[in-house]
Amino acid sequence: SFSLPVQEALHTYCVHIARQVAKAIMDRNGVAAPRKMLVTGGGAFN
């Protein structure tokens, strides 16, 4: 509905995904001690 060029839409949505993952961790655990996150699925190649 924002009628954006595909590059801009993809860029923005990737930023959105990353920020929502970080927000989800903050909401649940707060700032953590050093931890490792295993990332899988097709998006890991992006």
ModelCIF file with pLDDT and N, C-alpha, C, O atoms, coordinates in Angstrom:
data_MODEL
#
_entry.id   MODEL 
#
_entity.id                         1 
_entity.type                       polymer 
_entity.pdbx_number_of_molecules   1 
#
_entity_poly.entity_id                      1 
_entity_poly.type                           'polypeptide(L)' 
_entity_poly.nstd_linkage                   no 
_entity_poly.nstd_monomer                   no 
_entity_poly.pdbx_seq_one_letter_code       SFSLPVQEALHTYCVHIARQVAKAIMDRNGVAAPRKMLVTGGGAFN 
_entity_poly.pdbx_seq_one_letter_code_can   SFSLPVQEALHTYCVHIARQVAKAIMDRNGVAAPRKMLVTGGGAFN 
_entity_poly.pdbx_strand_id                 A 
#
loop_
_entity_poly_seq.entity_id 
_entity_poly_seq.num 
_entity_poly_seq.mon_id 
_entity_poly_seq.hetero 
1 1  SER n 
1 2  PHE n 
1 3  SER n 
1 4  LEU n 
1 5  PRO n 
1 6  VAL n 
1 7  GLN n 
1 8  GLU n 
1 9  ALA n 
1 10 LEU n 
1 11 HIS n 
1 12 THR n 
1 13 TYR n 
1 14 CYS n 
1 15 VAL n 
1 16 HIS n 
1 17 ILE n 
1 18 ALA n 
1 19 ARG n 
1 20 GLN n 
1 21 VAL n 
1 22 ALA n 
1 23 LYS n 
1 24 ALA n 
1 25 ILE n 
1 26 MET n 
1 27 ASP n 
1 28 ARG n 
1 29 ASN n 
1 30 GLY n 
1 31 VAL n 
1 32 ALA n 
1 33 ALA n 
1 34 PRO n 
1 35 ARG n 
1 36 LYS n 
1 37 MET n 
1 38 LEU n 
1 39 VAL n 
1 40 THR n 
1 41 GLY n 
1 42 GLY n 
1 43 GLY n 
1 44 ALA n 
1 45 PHE n 
1 46 ASN n 
#
_struct_asym.id          A 
_struct_asym.entity_id   1 
#
loop_
_ma_qa_metric.id 
_ma_qa_metric.mode 
_ma_qa_metric.name 
_ma_qa_metric.software_group_id 
_ma_qa_metric.type 
1 global pLDDT . pLDDT 
2 local  pLDDT . pLDDT 
#
_ma_qa_metric_global.metric_id      1 
_ma_qa_metric_global.metric_value   90.50 
_ma_qa_metric_global.model_id       1 
_ma_qa_metric_global.ordinal_id     1 
#
loop_
_ma_qa_metric_local.label_asym_id 
_ma_qa_metric_local.label_comp_id 
_ma_qa_metric_local.label_seq_id 
_ma_qa_metric_local.metric_id 
_ma_qa_metric_local.metric_value 
_ma_qa_metric_local.model_id 
_ma_qa_metric_local.ordinal_id 
A SER 1  2 97.00 1 1  
A PHE 2  2 98.00 1 2  
A SER 3  2 98.00 1 3  
A LEU 4  2 98.00 1 4  
A PRO 5  2 98.00 1 5  
A VAL 6  2 98.00 1 6  
A GLN 7  2 98.00 1 7  
A GLU 8  2 98.00 1 8  
A ALA 9  2 98.00 1 9  
A LEU 10 2 98.00 1 10 
A HIS 11 2 98.00 1 11 
A THR 12 2 98.00 1 12 
A TYR 13 2 98.00 1 13 
A CYS 14 2 98.00 1 14 
A VAL 15 2 98.00 1 15 
A HIS 16 2 98.00 1 16 
A ILE 17 2 98.00 1 17 
A ALA 18 2 98.00 1 18 
A ARG 19 2 97.00 1 19 
A GLN 20 2 97.00 1 20 
A VAL 21 2 96.00 1 21 
A ALA 22 2 95.00 1 22 
A LYS 23 2 94.00 1 23 
A ALA 24 2 92.00 1 24 
A ILE 25 2 89.00 1 25 
A MET 26 2 87.00 1 26 
A ASP 27 2 81.00 1 27 
A ARG 28 2 74.00 1 28 
A ASN 29 2 67.00 1 29 
A GLY 30 2 60.00 1 30 
A VAL 31 2 57.00 1 31 
A ALA 32 2 59.00 1 32 
A ALA 33 2 64.00 1 33 
A PRO 34 2 70.00 1 34 
A ARG 35 2 86.00 1 35 
A LYS 36 2 92.00 1 36 
A MET 37 2 95.00 1 37 
A LEU 38 2 95.00 1 38 
A VAL 39 2 97.00 1 39 
A THR 40 2 93.00 1 40 
A GLY 41 2 88.00 1 41 
A GLY 42 2 90.00 1 42 
A GLY 43 2 95.00 1 43 
A ALA 44 2 96.00 1 44 
A PHE 45 2 96.00 1 45 
A ASN 46 2 98.00 1 46 
#
loop_
_atom_site.group_PDB 
_atom_site.id 
_atom_site.type_symbol 
_atom_site.label_atom_id 
_atom_site.label_alt_id 
_atom_site.label_comp_id 
_atom_site.label_asym_id 
_atom_site.label_entity_id 
_atom_site.label_seq_id 
_atom_site.pdbx_PDB_ins_code 
_atom_site.Cartn_x 
_atom_site.Cartn_y 
_atom_site.Cartn_z 
_atom_site.occupancy 
_atom_site.B_iso_or_equiv 
_atom_site.pdbx_formal_charge 
_atom_site.auth_seq_id 
_atom_site.auth_comp_id 
_atom_site.auth_asym_id 
_atom_site.auth_atom_id 
_atom_site.pdbx_PDB_model_num 
ATOM 1   N N  . SER A 1 1  ? 0.823  -1.224  0.000  1.00 97.00 ? 1  SER A N  1 
ATOM 2   C CA . SER A 1 1  ? 0.000  0.000   0.000  1.00 97.00 ? 1  SER A CA 1 
ATOM 3   C C  . SER A 1 1  ? 0.853  1.269   0.000  1.00 97.00 ? 1  SER A C  1 
ATOM 4   O O  . SER A 1 1  ? 0.347  2.350   -0.300 1.00 97.00 ? 1  SER A O  1 
ATOM 5   N N  . PHE A 1 2  ? 2.147  1.148   0.335  1.00 98.00 ? 2  PHE A N  1 
ATOM 6   C CA . PHE A 1 2  ? 3.029  2.310   0.333  1.00 98.00 ? 2  PHE A CA 1 
ATOM 7   C C  . PHE A 1 2  ? 3.609  2.589   -1.059 1.00 98.00 ? 2  PHE A C  1 
ATOM 8   O O  . PHE A 1 2  ? 4.258  3.613   -1.271 1.00 98.00 ? 2  PHE A O  1 
ATOM 9   N N  . SER A 1 3  ? 3.371  1.670   -2.008 1.00 98.00 ? 3  SER A N  1 
ATOM 10  C CA . SER A 1 3  ? 3.795  1.858   -3.409 1.00 98.00 ? 3  SER A CA 1 
ATOM 11  C C  . SER A 1 3  ? 5.280  2.228   -3.524 1.00 98.00 ? 3  SER A C  1 
ATOM 12  O O  . SER A 1 3  ? 5.638  3.180   -4.217 1.00 98.00 ? 3  SER A O  1 
ATOM 13  N N  . LEU A 1 4  ? 6.119  1.480   -2.851 1.00 98.00 ? 4  LEU A N  1 
ATOM 14  C CA . LEU A 1 4  ? 7.554  1.742   -2.852 1.00 98.00 ? 4  LEU A CA 1 
ATOM 15  C C  . LEU A 1 4  ? 8.265  0.912   -3.915 1.00 98.00 ? 4  LEU A C  1 
ATOM 16  O O  . LEU A 1 4  ? 7.755  -0.135  -4.313 1.00 98.00 ? 4  LEU A O  1 
ATOM 17  N N  . PRO A 1 5  ? 9.425  1.352   -4.381 1.00 98.00 ? 5  PRO A N  1 
ATOM 18  C CA . PRO A 1 5  ? 10.273 0.486   -5.197 1.00 98.00 ? 5  PRO A CA 1 
ATOM 19  C C  . PRO A 1 5  ? 10.606 -0.777  -4.406 1.00 98.00 ? 5  PRO A C  1 
ATOM 20  O O  . PRO A 1 5  ? 10.720 -0.729  -3.182 1.00 98.00 ? 5  PRO A O  1 
ATOM 21  N N  . VAL A 1 6  ? 10.759 -1.892  -5.091 1.00 98.00 ? 6  VAL A N  1 
ATOM 22  C CA . VAL A 1 6  ? 10.944 -3.161  -4.393 1.00 98.00 ? 6  VAL A CA 1 
ATOM 23  C C  . VAL A 1 6  ? 12.186 -3.133  -3.506 1.00 98.00 ? 6  VAL A C  1 
ATOM 24  O O  . VAL A 1 6  ? 12.188 -3.736  -2.433 1.00 98.00 ? 6  VAL A O  1 
ATOM 25  N N  . GLN A 1 7  ? 13.241 -2.444  -3.938 1.00 98.00 ? 7  GLN A N  1 
ATOM 26  C CA . GLN A 1 7  ? 14.455 -2.369  -3.119 1.00 98.00 ? 7  GLN A CA 1 
ATOM 27  C C  . GLN A 1 7  ? 14.172 -1.685  -1.780 1.00 98.00 ? 7  GLN A C  1 
ATOM 28  O O  . GLN A 1 7  ? 14.657 -2.121  -0.736 1.00 98.00 ? 7  GLN A O  1 
ATOM 29  N N  . GLU A 1 8  ? 13.386 -0.613  -1.821 1.00 98.00 ? 8  GLU A N  1 
ATOM 30  C CA . GLU A 1 8  ? 13.067 0.116   -0.599 1.00 98.00 ? 8  GLU A CA 1 
ATOM 31  C C  . GLU A 1 8  ? 12.156 -0.688  0.319  1.00 98.00 ? 8  GLU A C  1 
ATOM 32  O O  . GLU A 1 8  ? 12.326 -0.683  1.538  1.00 98.00 ? 8  GLU A O  1 
ATOM 33  N N  . ALA A 1 9  ? 11.186 -1.381  -0.279 1.00 98.00 ? 9  ALA A N  1 
ATOM 34  C CA . ALA A 1 9  ? 10.279 -2.210  0.518  1.00 98.00 ? 9  ALA A CA 1 
ATOM 35  C C  . ALA A 1 9  ? 11.045 -3.350  1.196  1.00 98.00 ? 9  ALA A C  1 
ATOM 36  O O  . ALA A 1 9  ? 10.833 -3.624  2.378  1.00 98.00 ? 9  ALA A O  1 
ATOM 37  N N  . LEU A 1 10 ? 11.931 -4.013  0.453  1.00 98.00 ? 10 LEU A N  1 
ATOM 38  C CA . LEU A 1 10 ? 12.714 -5.119  1.010  1.00 98.00 ? 10 LEU A CA 1 
ATOM 39  C C  . LEU A 1 10 ? 13.662 -4.621  2.104  1.00 98.00 ? 10 LEU A C  1 
ATOM 40  O O  . LEU A 1 10 ? 13.759 -5.229  3.170  1.00 98.00 ? 10 LEU A O  1 
ATOM 41  N N  . HIS A 1 11 ? 14.348 -3.534  1.843  1.00 98.00 ? 11 HIS A N  1 
ATOM 42  C CA . HIS A 1 11 ? 15.262 -2.947  2.825  1.00 98.00 ? 11 HIS A CA 1 
ATOM 43  C C  . HIS A 1 11 ? 14.525 -2.643  4.128  1.00 98.00 ? 11 HIS A C  1 
ATOM 44  O O  . HIS A 1 11 ? 14.982 -3.012  5.209  1.00 98.00 ? 11 HIS A O  1 
ATOM 45  N N  . THR A 1 12 ? 13.402 -1.982  4.016  1.00 98.00 ? 12 THR A N  1 
ATOM 46  C CA . THR A 1 12 ? 12.637 -1.586  5.204  1.00 98.00 ? 12 THR A CA 1 
ATOM 47  C C  . THR A 1 12 ? 12.131 -2.802  5.961  1.00 98.00 ? 12 THR A C  1 
ATOM 48  O O  . THR A 1 12 ? 12.171 -2.834  7.191  1.00 98.00 ? 12 THR A O  1 
ATOM 49  N N  . TYR A 1 13 ? 11.655 -3.807  5.226  1.00 98.00 ? 13 TYR A N  1 
ATOM 50  C CA . TYR A 1 13 ? 11.097 -4.970  5.917  1.00 98.00 ? 13 TYR A CA 1 
ATOM 51  C C  . TYR A 1 13 ? 12.190 -5.783  6.609  1.00 98.00 ? 13 TYR A C  1 
ATOM 52  O O  . TYR A 1 13 ? 11.938 -6.356  7.668  1.00 98.00 ? 13 TYR A O  1 
ATOM 53  N N  . CYS A 1 14 ? 13.395 -5.850  6.043  1.00 98.00 ? 14 CYS A N  1 
ATOM 54  C CA . CYS A 1 14 ? 14.506 -6.516  6.709  1.00 98.00 ? 14 CYS A CA 1 
ATOM 55  C C  . CYS A 1 14 ? 14.870 -5.799  8.008  1.00 98.00 ? 14 CYS A C  1 
ATOM 56  O O  . CYS A 1 14 ? 15.118 -6.442  9.027  1.00 98.00 ? 14 CYS A O  1 
ATOM 57  N N  . VAL A 1 15 ? 14.901 -4.467  7.968  1.00 98.00 ? 15 VAL A N  1 
ATOM 58  C CA . VAL A 1 15 ? 15.155 -3.691  9.184  1.00 98.00 ? 15 VAL A CA 1 
ATOM 59  C C  . VAL A 1 15 ? 14.073 -3.993  10.223 1.00 98.00 ? 15 VAL A C  1 
ATOM 60  O O  . VAL A 1 15 ? 14.365 -4.142  11.409 1.00 98.00 ? 15 VAL A O  1 
ATOM 61  N N  . HIS A 1 16 ? 12.842 -4.081  9.771  1.00 98.00 ? 16 HIS A N  1 
ATOM 62  C CA . HIS A 1 16 ? 11.718 -4.386  10.664 1.00 98.00 ? 16 HIS A CA 1 
ATOM 63  C C  . HIS A 1 16 ? 11.895 -5.746  11.339 1.00 98.00 ? 16 HIS A C  1 
ATOM 64  O O  . HIS A 1 16 ? 11.715 -5.862  12.551 1.00 98.00 ? 16 HIS A O  1 
ATOM 65  N N  . ILE A 1 17 ? 12.241 -6.761  10.576 1.00 98.00 ? 17 ILE A N  1 
ATOM 66  C CA . ILE A 1 17 ? 12.438 -8.098  11.151 1.00 98.00 ? 17 ILE A CA 1 
ATOM 67  C C  . ILE A 1 17 ? 13.513 -8.055  12.227 1.00 98.00 ? 17 ILE A C  1 
ATOM 68  O O  . ILE A 1 17 ? 13.313 -8.554  13.334 1.00 98.00 ? 17 ILE A O  1 
ATOM 69  N N  . ALA A 1 18 ? 14.654 -7.458  11.898 1.00 98.00 ? 18 ALA A N  1 
ATOM 70  C CA . ALA A 1 18 ? 15.777 -7.416  12.843 1.00 98.00 ? 18 ALA A CA 1 
ATOM 71  C C  . ALA A 1 18 ? 15.394 -6.696  14.126 1.00 98.00 ? 18 ALA A C  1 
ATOM 72  O O  . ALA A 1 18 ? 15.726 -7.155  15.219 1.00 98.00 ? 18 ALA A O  1 
ATOM 73  N N  . ARG A 1 19 ? 14.708 -5.587  14.002 1.00 97.00 ? 19 ARG A N  1 
ATOM 74  C CA . ARG A 1 19 ? 14.347 -4.817  15.202 1.00 97.00 ? 19 ARG A CA 1 
ATOM 75  C C  . ARG A 1 19 ? 13.304 -5.541  16.045 1.00 97.00 ? 19 ARG A C  1 
ATOM 76  O O  . ARG A 1 19 ? 13.321 -5.444  17.272 1.00 97.00 ? 19 ARG A O  1 
ATOM 77  N N  . GLN A 1 20 ? 12.399 -6.263  15.394 1.00 97.00 ? 20 GLN A N  1 
ATOM 78  C CA . GLN A 1 20 ? 11.410 -7.003  16.167 1.00 97.00 ? 20 GLN A CA 1 
ATOM 79  C C  . GLN A 1 20 ? 12.031 -8.178  16.910 1.00 97.00 ? 20 GLN A C  1 
ATOM 80  O O  . GLN A 1 20 ? 11.593 -8.519  18.009 1.00 97.00 ? 20 GLN A O  1 
ATOM 81  N N  . VAL A 1 21 ? 13.049 -8.801  16.318 1.00 96.00 ? 21 VAL A N  1 
ATOM 82  C CA . VAL A 1 21 ? 13.761 -9.868  17.025 1.00 96.00 ? 21 VAL A CA 1 
ATOM 83  C C  . VAL A 1 21 ? 14.453 -9.294  18.257 1.00 96.00 ? 21 VAL A C  1 
ATOM 84  O O  . VAL A 1 21 ? 14.357 -9.864  19.343 1.00 96.00 ? 21 VAL A O  1 
ATOM 85  N N  . ALA A 1 22 ? 15.148 -8.171  18.095 1.00 95.00 ? 22 ALA A N  1 
ATOM 86  C CA . ALA A 1 22 ? 15.821 -7.544  19.232 1.00 95.00 ? 22 ALA A CA 1 
ATOM 87  C C  . ALA A 1 22 ? 14.825 -7.111  20.303 1.00 95.00 ? 22 ALA A C  1 
ATOM 88  O O  . ALA A 1 22 ? 15.080 -7.282  21.495 1.00 95.00 ? 22 ALA A O  1 
ATOM 89  N N  . LYS A 1 23 ? 13.701 -6.555  19.885 1.00 94.00 ? 23 LYS A N  1 
ATOM 90  C CA . LYS A 1 23 ? 12.662 -6.138  20.832 1.00 94.00 ? 23 LYS A CA 1 
ATOM 91  C C  . LYS A 1 23 ? 12.105 -7.332  21.597 1.00 94.00 ? 23 LYS A C  1 
ATOM 92  O O  . LYS A 1 23 ? 11.865 -7.254  22.802 1.00 94.00 ? 23 LYS A O  1 
ATOM 93  N N  . ALA A 1 24 ? 11.901 -8.443  20.883 1.00 92.00 ? 24 ALA A N  1 
ATOM 94  C CA . ALA A 1 24 ? 11.362 -9.643  21.525 1.00 92.00 ? 24 ALA A CA 1 
ATOM 95  C C  . ALA A 1 24 ? 12.304 -10.143 22.611 1.00 92.00 ? 24 ALA A C  1 
ATOM 96  O O  . ALA A 1 24 ? 11.857 -10.570 23.676 1.00 92.00 ? 24 ALA A O  1 
ATOM 97  N N  . ILE A 1 25 ? 13.610 -10.092 22.344 1.00 89.00 ? 25 ILE A N  1 
ATOM 98  C CA . ILE A 1 25 ? 14.588 -10.522 23.348 1.00 89.00 ? 25 ILE A CA 1 
ATOM 99  C C  . ILE A 1 25 ? 14.598 -9.558  24.525 1.00 89.00 ? 25 ILE A C  1 
ATOM 100 O O  . ILE A 1 25 ? 14.640 -9.988  25.678 1.00 89.00 ? 25 ILE A O  1 
ATOM 101 N N  . MET A 1 26 ? 14.561 -8.273  24.251 1.00 87.00 ? 26 MET A N  1 
ATOM 102 C CA . MET A 1 26 ? 14.535 -7.276  25.328 1.00 87.00 ? 26 MET A CA 1 
ATOM 103 C C  . MET A 1 26 ? 13.290 -7.429  26.194 1.00 87.00 ? 26 MET A C  1 
ATOM 104 O O  . MET A 1 26 ? 13.368 -7.360  27.421 1.00 87.00 ? 26 MET A O  1 
ATOM 105 N N  . ASP A 1 27 ? 12.145 -7.636  25.556 1.00 81.00 ? 27 ASP A N  1 
ATOM 106 C CA . ASP A 1 27 ? 10.891 -7.754  26.291 1.00 81.00 ? 27 ASP A CA 1 
ATOM 107 C C  . ASP A 1 27 ? 10.890 -8.957  27.222 1.00 81.00 ? 27 ASP A C  1 
ATOM 108 O O  . ASP A 1 27 ? 10.299 -8.913  28.302 1.00 81.00 ? 27 ASP A O  1 
ATOM 109 N N  . ARG A 1 28 ? 11.552 -10.031 26.802 1.00 74.00 ? 28 ARG A N  1 
ATOM 110 C CA . ARG A 1 28 ? 11.521 -11.261 27.590 1.00 74.00 ? 28 ARG A CA 1 
ATOM 111 C C  . ARG A 1 28 ? 12.656 -11.345 28.610 1.00 74.00 ? 28 ARG A C  1 
ATOM 112 O O  . ARG A 1 28 ? 12.443 -11.727 29.761 1.00 74.00 ? 28 ARG A O  1 
ATOM 113 N N  . ASN A 1 29 ? 13.879 -10.979 28.168 1.00 67.00 ? 29 ASN A N  1 
ATOM 114 C CA . ASN A 1 29 ? 15.052 -11.250 28.989 1.00 67.00 ? 29 ASN A CA 1 
ATOM 115 C C  . ASN A 1 29 ? 15.813 -10.007 29.432 1.00 67.00 ? 29 ASN A C  1 
ATOM 116 O O  . ASN A 1 29 ? 16.655 -10.081 30.327 1.00 67.00 ? 29 ASN A O  1 
ATOM 117 N N  . GLY A 1 30 ? 15.521 -8.861  28.810 1.00 60.00 ? 30 GLY A N  1 
ATOM 118 C CA . GLY A 1 30 ? 16.339 -7.690  29.092 1.00 60.00 ? 30 GLY A CA 1 
ATOM 119 C C  . GLY A 1 30 ? 17.723 -7.842  28.493 1.00 60.00 ? 30 GLY A C  1 
ATOM 120 O O  . GLY A 1 30 ? 17.930 -8.692  27.627 1.00 60.00 ? 30 GLY A O  1 
ATOM 121 N N  . VAL A 1 31 ? 18.682 -7.030  28.939 1.00 57.00 ? 31 VAL A N  1 
ATOM 122 C CA . VAL A 1 31 ? 20.052 -7.131  28.447 1.00 57.00 ? 31 VAL A CA 1 
ATOM 123 C C  . VAL A 1 31 ? 20.690 -8.374  29.059 1.00 57.00 ? 31 VAL A C  1 
ATOM 124 O O  . VAL A 1 31 ? 20.696 -8.540  30.279 1.00 57.00 ? 31 VAL A O  1 
ATOM 125 N N  . ALA A 1 32 ? 21.226 -9.247  28.205 1.00 59.00 ? 32 ALA A N  1 
ATOM 126 C CA . ALA A 1 32 ? 21.717 -10.546 28.649 1.00 59.00 ? 32 ALA A CA 1 
ATOM 127 C C  . ALA A 1 32 ? 23.235 -10.546 28.752 1.00 59.00 ? 32 ALA A C  1 
ATOM 128 O O  . ALA A 1 32 ? 23.911 -9.697  28.171 1.00 59.00 ? 32 ALA A O  1 
ATOM 129 N N  . ALA A 1 33 ? 23.765 -11.517 29.506 1.00 64.00 ? 33 ALA A N  1 
ATOM 130 C CA . ALA A 1 33 ? 25.188 -11.814 29.468 1.00 64.00 ? 33 ALA A CA 1 
ATOM 131 C C  . ALA A 1 33 ? 25.514 -12.358 28.081 1.00 64.00 ? 33 ALA A C  1 
ATOM 132 O O  . ALA A 1 33 ? 24.598 -12.688 27.327 1.00 64.00 ? 33 ALA A O  1 
ATOM 133 N N  . PRO A 1 34 ? 26.791 -12.460 27.725 1.00 70.00 ? 34 PRO A N  1 
ATOM 134 C CA . PRO A 1 34 ? 27.119 -12.968 26.383 1.00 70.00 ? 34 PRO A CA 1 
ATOM 135 C C  . PRO A 1 34 ? 26.420 -14.292 26.089 1.00 70.00 ? 34 PRO A C  1 
ATOM 136 O O  . PRO A 1 34 ? 26.514 -15.244 26.865 1.00 70.00 ? 34 PRO A O  1 
ATOM 137 N N  . ARG A 1 35 ? 25.744 -14.337 24.997 1.00 86.00 ? 35 ARG A N  1 
ATOM 138 C CA . ARG A 1 35 ? 24.982 -15.507 24.582 1.00 86.00 ? 35 ARG A CA 1 
ATOM 139 C C  . ARG A 1 35 ? 25.159 -15.726 23.087 1.00 86.00 ? 35 ARG A C  1 
ATOM 140 O O  . ARG A 1 35 ? 25.536 -14.811 22.354 1.00 86.00 ? 35 ARG A O  1 
ATOM 141 N N  . LYS A 1 36 ? 24.883 -16.947 22.643 1.00 92.00 ? 36 LYS A N  1 
ATOM 142 C CA . LYS A 1 36 ? 24.956 -17.258 21.229 1.00 92.00 ? 36 LYS A CA 1 
ATOM 143 C C  . LYS A 1 36 ? 23.553 -17.511 20.680 1.00 92.00 ? 36 LYS A C  1 
ATOM 144 O O  . LYS A 1 36 ? 22.724 -18.154 21.324 1.00 92.00 ? 36 LYS A O  1 
ATOM 145 N N  . MET A 1 37 ? 23.309 -16.998 19.490 1.00 95.00 ? 37 MET A N  1 
ATOM 146 C CA . MET A 1 37 ? 22.037 -17.221 18.811 1.00 95.00 ? 37 MET A CA 1 
ATOM 147 C C  . MET A 1 37 ? 22.291 -18.006 17.524 1.00 95.00 ? 37 MET A C  1 
ATOM 148 O O  . MET A 1 37 ? 23.035 -17.554 16.653 1.00 95.00 ? 37 MET A O  1 
ATOM 149 N N  . LEU A 1 38 ? 21.676 -19.173 17.407 1.00 95.00 ? 38 LEU A N  1 
ATOM 150 C CA . LEU A 1 38 ? 21.777 -19.989 16.205 1.00 95.00 ? 38 LEU A CA 1 
ATOM 151 C C  . LEU A 1 38 ? 20.689 -19.546 15.232 1.00 95.00 ? 38 LEU A C  1 
ATOM 152 O O  . LEU A 1 38 ? 19.504 -19.596 15.560 1.00 95.00 ? 38 LEU A O  1 
ATOM 153 N N  . VAL A 1 39 ? 21.084 -19.120 14.054 1.00 97.00 ? 39 VAL A N  1 
ATOM 154 C CA . VAL A 1 39 ? 20.141 -18.619 13.055 1.00 97.00 ? 39 VAL A CA 1 
ATOM 155 C C  . VAL A 1 39 ? 20.079 -19.595 11.888 1.00 97.00 ? 39 VAL A C  1 
ATOM 156 O O  . VAL A 1 39 ? 21.099 -19.925 11.285 1.00 97.00 ? 39 VAL A O  1 
ATOM 157 N N  . THR A 1 40 ? 18.878 -20.049 11.581 1.00 93.00 ? 40 THR A N  1 
ATOM 158 C CA . THR A 1 40 ? 18.675 -21.002 10.500 1.00 93.00 ? 40 THR A CA 1 
ATOM 159 C C  . THR A 1 40 ? 17.504 -20.552 9.637  1.00 93.00 ? 40 THR A C  1 
ATOM 160 O O  . THR A 1 40 ? 16.919 -19.496 9.879  1.00 93.00 ? 40 THR A O  1 
ATOM 161 N N  . GLY A 1 41 ? 17.163 -21.355 8.629  1.00 88.00 ? 41 GLY A N  1 
ATOM 162 C CA . GLY A 1 41 ? 16.095 -21.000 7.703  1.00 88.00 ? 41 GLY A CA 1 
ATOM 163 C C  . GLY A 1 41 ? 16.655 -20.199 6.531  1.00 88.00 ? 41 GLY A C  1 
ATOM 164 O O  . GLY A 1 41 ? 17.782 -19.707 6.582  1.00 88.00 ? 41 GLY A O  1 
ATOM 165 N N  . GLY A 1 42 ? 15.854 -20.076 5.480  1.00 90.00 ? 42 GLY A N  1 
ATOM 166 C CA . GLY A 1 42 ? 16.306 -19.420 4.264  1.00 90.00 ? 42 GLY A CA 1 
ATOM 167 C C  . GLY A 1 42 ? 16.804 -18.009 4.462  1.00 90.00 ? 42 GLY A C  1 
ATOM 168 O O  . GLY A 1 42 ? 17.687 -17.558 3.732  1.00 90.00 ? 42 GLY A O  1 
ATOM 169 N N  . GLY A 1 43 ? 16.252 -17.294 5.445  1.00 95.00 ? 43 GLY A N  1 
ATOM 170 C CA . GLY A 1 43 ? 16.669 -15.927 5.694  1.00 95.00 ? 43 GLY A CA 1 
ATOM 171 C C  . GLY A 1 43 ? 18.104 -15.802 6.163  1.00 95.00 ? 43 GLY A C  1 
ATOM 172 O O  . GLY A 1 43 ? 18.677 -14.714 6.112  1.00 95.00 ? 43 GLY A O  1 
ATOM 173 N N  . ALA A 1 44 ? 18.708 -16.919 6.628  1.00 96.00 ? 44 ALA A N  1 
ATOM 174 C CA . ALA A 1 44 ? 20.102 -16.884 7.071  1.00 96.00 ? 44 ALA A CA 1 
ATOM 175 C C  . ALA A 1 44 ? 21.061 -16.620 5.914  1.00 96.00 ? 44 ALA A C  1 
ATOM 176 O O  . ALA A 1 44 ? 22.207 -16.226 6.132  1.00 96.00 ? 44 ALA A O  1 
ATOM 177 N N  . PHE A 1 45 ? 20.591 -16.838 4.674  1.00 96.00 ? 45 PHE A N  1 
ATOM 178 C CA . PHE A 1 45 ? 21.417 -16.574 3.492  1.00 96.00 ? 45 PHE A CA 1 
ATOM 179 C C  . PHE A 1 45 ? 21.241 -15.153 2.965  1.00 96.00 ? 45 PHE A C  1 
ATOM 180 O O  . PHE A 1 45 ? 21.909 -14.750 2.013  1.00 96.00 ? 45 PHE A O  1 
ATOM 181 N N  . ASN A 1 46 ? 20.339 -14.399 3.588  1.00 98.00 ? 46 ASN A N  1 
ATOM 182 C CA . ASN A 1 46 ? 20.122 -13.006 3.195  1.00 98.00 ? 46 ASN A CA 1 
ATOM 183 C C  . ASN A 1 46 ? 21.118 -12.145 3.964  1.00 98.00 ? 46 ASN A C  1 
ATOM 184 O O  . ASN A 1 46 ? 21.133 -10.925 3.802  1.00 98.00 ? 46 ASN A O  1 
#
